[in-house]
Protein backbone atom coordinates (compact mmCIF):
# COMPACT_ATOMS: atom_id res chain seq x y z
CA MET A 1 75.75 40.95 140.85
CA THR A 2 75.49 44.34 139.05
CA PRO A 3 78.03 46.92 139.44
CA ASP A 4 78.07 49.87 141.25
CA ILE A 5 76.62 52.77 139.14
CA PRO A 6 76.71 56.38 140.24
CA ALA A 7 74.67 58.03 139.62
CA THR A 8 73.18 59.12 137.02
CA PRO A 9 71.35 62.52 135.64
CA SER A 10 67.25 61.22 137.25
CA VAL A 11 64.25 61.93 135.77
CA ALA A 12 62.90 62.55 138.94
CA HIS A 13 65.28 65.59 139.09
CA SER A 14 64.11 68.39 135.76
CA LYS A 15 64.77 72.13 137.10
CA SER A 16 62.81 72.57 133.76
CA ARG A 17 60.42 71.88 131.57
CA PRO A 18 57.64 72.13 133.52
CA GLY A 19 53.88 69.89 133.42
CA ARG A 20 52.70 66.76 131.01
CA LYS A 21 56.14 65.58 129.24
CA SER A 22 55.92 64.27 125.84
CA ARG A 23 56.70 60.56 125.43
CA ARG A 24 59.32 61.30 122.91
CA TYR A 25 60.91 63.51 125.47
CA CYS A 26 60.78 60.97 127.76
CA ALA A 27 63.06 58.70 126.22
CA ARG A 28 64.89 61.44 125.29
CA GLU A 29 65.69 61.86 129.09
CA LEU A 30 66.33 58.30 129.41
CA VAL A 31 68.42 57.86 126.57
CA LEU A 32 70.30 60.65 128.49
CA GLN A 33 71.18 58.83 130.81
CA GLY A 34 72.01 55.67 129.07
CA ILE A 35 74.70 57.75 127.63
CA TYR A 36 75.62 59.03 130.54
CA GLN A 37 76.39 56.17 132.48
CA TRP A 38 78.43 54.35 128.80
CA ARG A 39 80.42 57.27 129.16
CA VAL A 40 81.15 56.92 133.29
CA THR A 41 81.12 53.09 133.87
CA GLY A 42 80.94 51.10 129.90
CA GLY A 43 78.93 48.98 129.63
CA THR A 44 77.08 47.19 126.84
CA VAL A 45 74.37 48.26 124.63
CA ALA A 46 72.44 46.05 125.85
CA PHE A 47 73.09 46.11 129.31
CA ILE A 48 72.53 49.79 129.19
CA GLU A 49 69.03 49.79 127.85
CA ALA A 50 68.10 46.48 129.65
CA GLN A 51 68.44 49.22 132.43
CA LEU A 52 66.90 51.54 132.03
CA ARG A 53 64.19 49.77 130.87
CA ASP A 54 63.83 48.57 134.53
CA THR A 55 63.03 51.96 135.76
CA ASP A 56 59.79 53.88 136.45
CA GLU A 57 60.27 55.90 133.66
CA PHE A 58 60.22 53.92 131.42
CA GLN A 59 56.63 53.36 131.38
CA LYS A 60 56.15 57.00 130.27
CA ALA A 61 58.40 56.99 127.55
CA ASP A 62 58.46 56.59 124.13
CA GLY A 63 60.12 52.48 124.51
CA LYS A 64 60.67 52.61 120.11
CA TYR A 65 62.07 55.48 119.77
CA PHE A 66 64.07 54.90 123.05
CA SER A 67 65.93 52.10 121.81
CA ASN A 68 65.88 53.53 118.40
CA LEU A 69 67.58 55.77 119.20
CA LEU A 70 70.33 54.90 122.52
CA ARG A 71 71.22 51.84 120.28
CA HIS A 72 71.82 54.61 117.01
CA VAL A 73 74.47 56.41 119.53
CA LEU A 74 76.10 53.22 120.97
CA ASN A 75 77.14 51.88 117.92
CA SER A 76 77.72 54.82 115.87
CA ILE A 77 80.08 56.55 118.97
CA GLU A 78 83.12 57.67 116.91
CA ALA A 79 81.49 58.64 113.64
CA LEU A 80 79.57 61.13 116.14
CA GLU A 81 82.47 62.51 117.47
CA GLU A 82 83.73 63.33 114.54
CA LYS A 83 80.75 64.96 113.50
CA ILE A 84 81.02 67.51 115.89
CA GLN A 85 84.38 67.98 117.10
CA PRO A 86 84.62 70.63 114.98
CA CYS A 87 82.32 72.89 115.89
CA LEU A 88 83.76 72.89 119.99
CA ASP A 89 86.24 75.34 121.36
CA ARG A 90 88.05 71.85 122.94
CA PRO A 91 88.58 68.20 123.10
CA LEU A 92 85.29 66.58 123.15
CA LYS A 93 86.26 64.36 126.36
CA GLU A 94 86.93 68.16 128.22
CA LEU A 95 83.11 68.32 127.94
CA SER A 96 80.51 67.82 130.83
CA PRO A 97 79.12 63.27 130.13
CA VAL A 98 75.89 65.94 130.81
CA GLU A 99 77.09 68.01 127.75
CA TYR A 100 79.01 65.48 125.78
CA ALA A 101 75.46 62.75 126.78
CA ILE A 102 72.94 65.74 125.26
CA LEU A 103 75.12 66.37 122.13
CA LEU A 104 75.90 62.89 120.77
CA MET A 105 72.33 62.02 121.25
CA SER A 106 71.37 65.62 118.98
CA THR A 107 73.70 64.58 116.19
CA CYS A 108 72.48 61.17 116.09
CA GLU A 109 68.96 62.89 115.66
CA LEU A 110 69.82 65.26 113.25
CA VAL A 111 72.05 62.35 111.40
CA HIS A 112 69.77 59.36 111.64
CA PHE A 113 66.32 61.66 111.83
CA PRO A 114 66.02 63.43 108.92
CA ASP A 115 62.29 64.00 109.94
CA ILE A 116 62.75 65.56 113.17
CA PRO A 117 63.09 68.99 112.53
CA TYR A 118 66.29 70.32 113.02
CA ARG A 119 64.81 73.07 115.62
CA ALA A 120 62.80 70.65 117.50
CA VAL A 121 66.38 68.10 117.47
CA ILE A 122 67.95 71.87 119.83
CA ASN A 123 64.87 73.10 121.15
CA GLU A 124 64.71 69.41 123.63
CA ALA A 125 68.74 69.26 123.84
CA ILE A 126 68.62 72.80 125.11
CA GLU A 127 65.47 72.19 127.74
CA LEU A 128 67.80 68.69 128.43
CA ALA A 129 70.82 70.64 129.04
CA LYS A 130 68.63 72.89 130.90
CA SER A 131 67.46 70.61 133.12
CA TYR A 132 70.53 68.17 133.69
CA GLY A 133 73.69 70.46 132.70
CA GLY A 134 75.42 73.12 134.26
CA SER A 135 73.85 76.22 134.75
CA GLU A 136 75.87 77.78 131.35
CA GLY A 137 75.48 74.36 129.95
CA TYR A 138 72.92 75.51 127.53
CA LYS A 139 73.64 77.55 125.85
CA TYR A 140 77.19 75.81 125.23
CA VAL A 141 74.52 73.45 122.95
CA ASN A 142 73.25 75.10 121.33
CA GLY A 143 76.13 77.69 119.59
CA VAL A 144 77.07 74.32 118.96
CA LEU A 145 73.65 72.44 117.22
CA ASP A 146 73.36 75.80 115.87
CA LYS A 147 76.68 74.56 113.82
CA LEU A 148 76.01 71.50 112.99
CA ALA A 149 72.20 71.80 111.62
CA VAL A 150 73.77 74.42 109.43
CA GLN A 151 76.27 71.77 108.07
CA LEU A 152 73.98 68.45 108.50
CA ARG A 153 70.74 70.48 107.85
CA ALA A 154 72.11 72.76 105.26
CA THR A 155 68.43 72.12 102.82
CA GLU A 156 66.17 72.05 105.41
CA ILE A 157 67.62 75.28 106.73
CA GLY A 158 67.80 76.28 103.32
CA GLN A 159 64.05 75.65 102.51
CA GLN A 160 63.08 77.87 105.44
CA PHE A 161 64.33 80.68 103.63
CA LYS A 162 62.85 80.64 100.68
CA PRO A 163 61.50 83.95 99.21
CA THR A 164 57.34 82.62 98.88
CA ARG A 165 55.27 84.44 95.70
């Protein structure tokens, strides 16, 4: 028997991002749901992944990226939290479950997925926060990720500001 799972942010009720969503964005939406579920109800990575793979939304997602990102996040929660906490004005556990999940996921992308430009990571996080978070949550997420990007992607950021001859 499956335990009762509280309502998670539903990809069907997105407030932002009109038009066609990329497969990677859909994967991020599902990862957001998985982290949210883990935070609220617990559960193993395998159980959460299996549940999300069984949704209609999964067909729209980049399945390989979804699995890779979900596993990276849920298997390295403590290390990710240690990177995020110094950039916050409050304890991490006081954030809304949606902002918490977005920050974990985005920090993981900044650390473990260097092929994704930091600006893309931040922009996707802002879109997710606008869609699923509180009315001003995206501003908070943006501020935290800006600080983290400077620490975690300093070389990439520095290359953008090199003068060209």
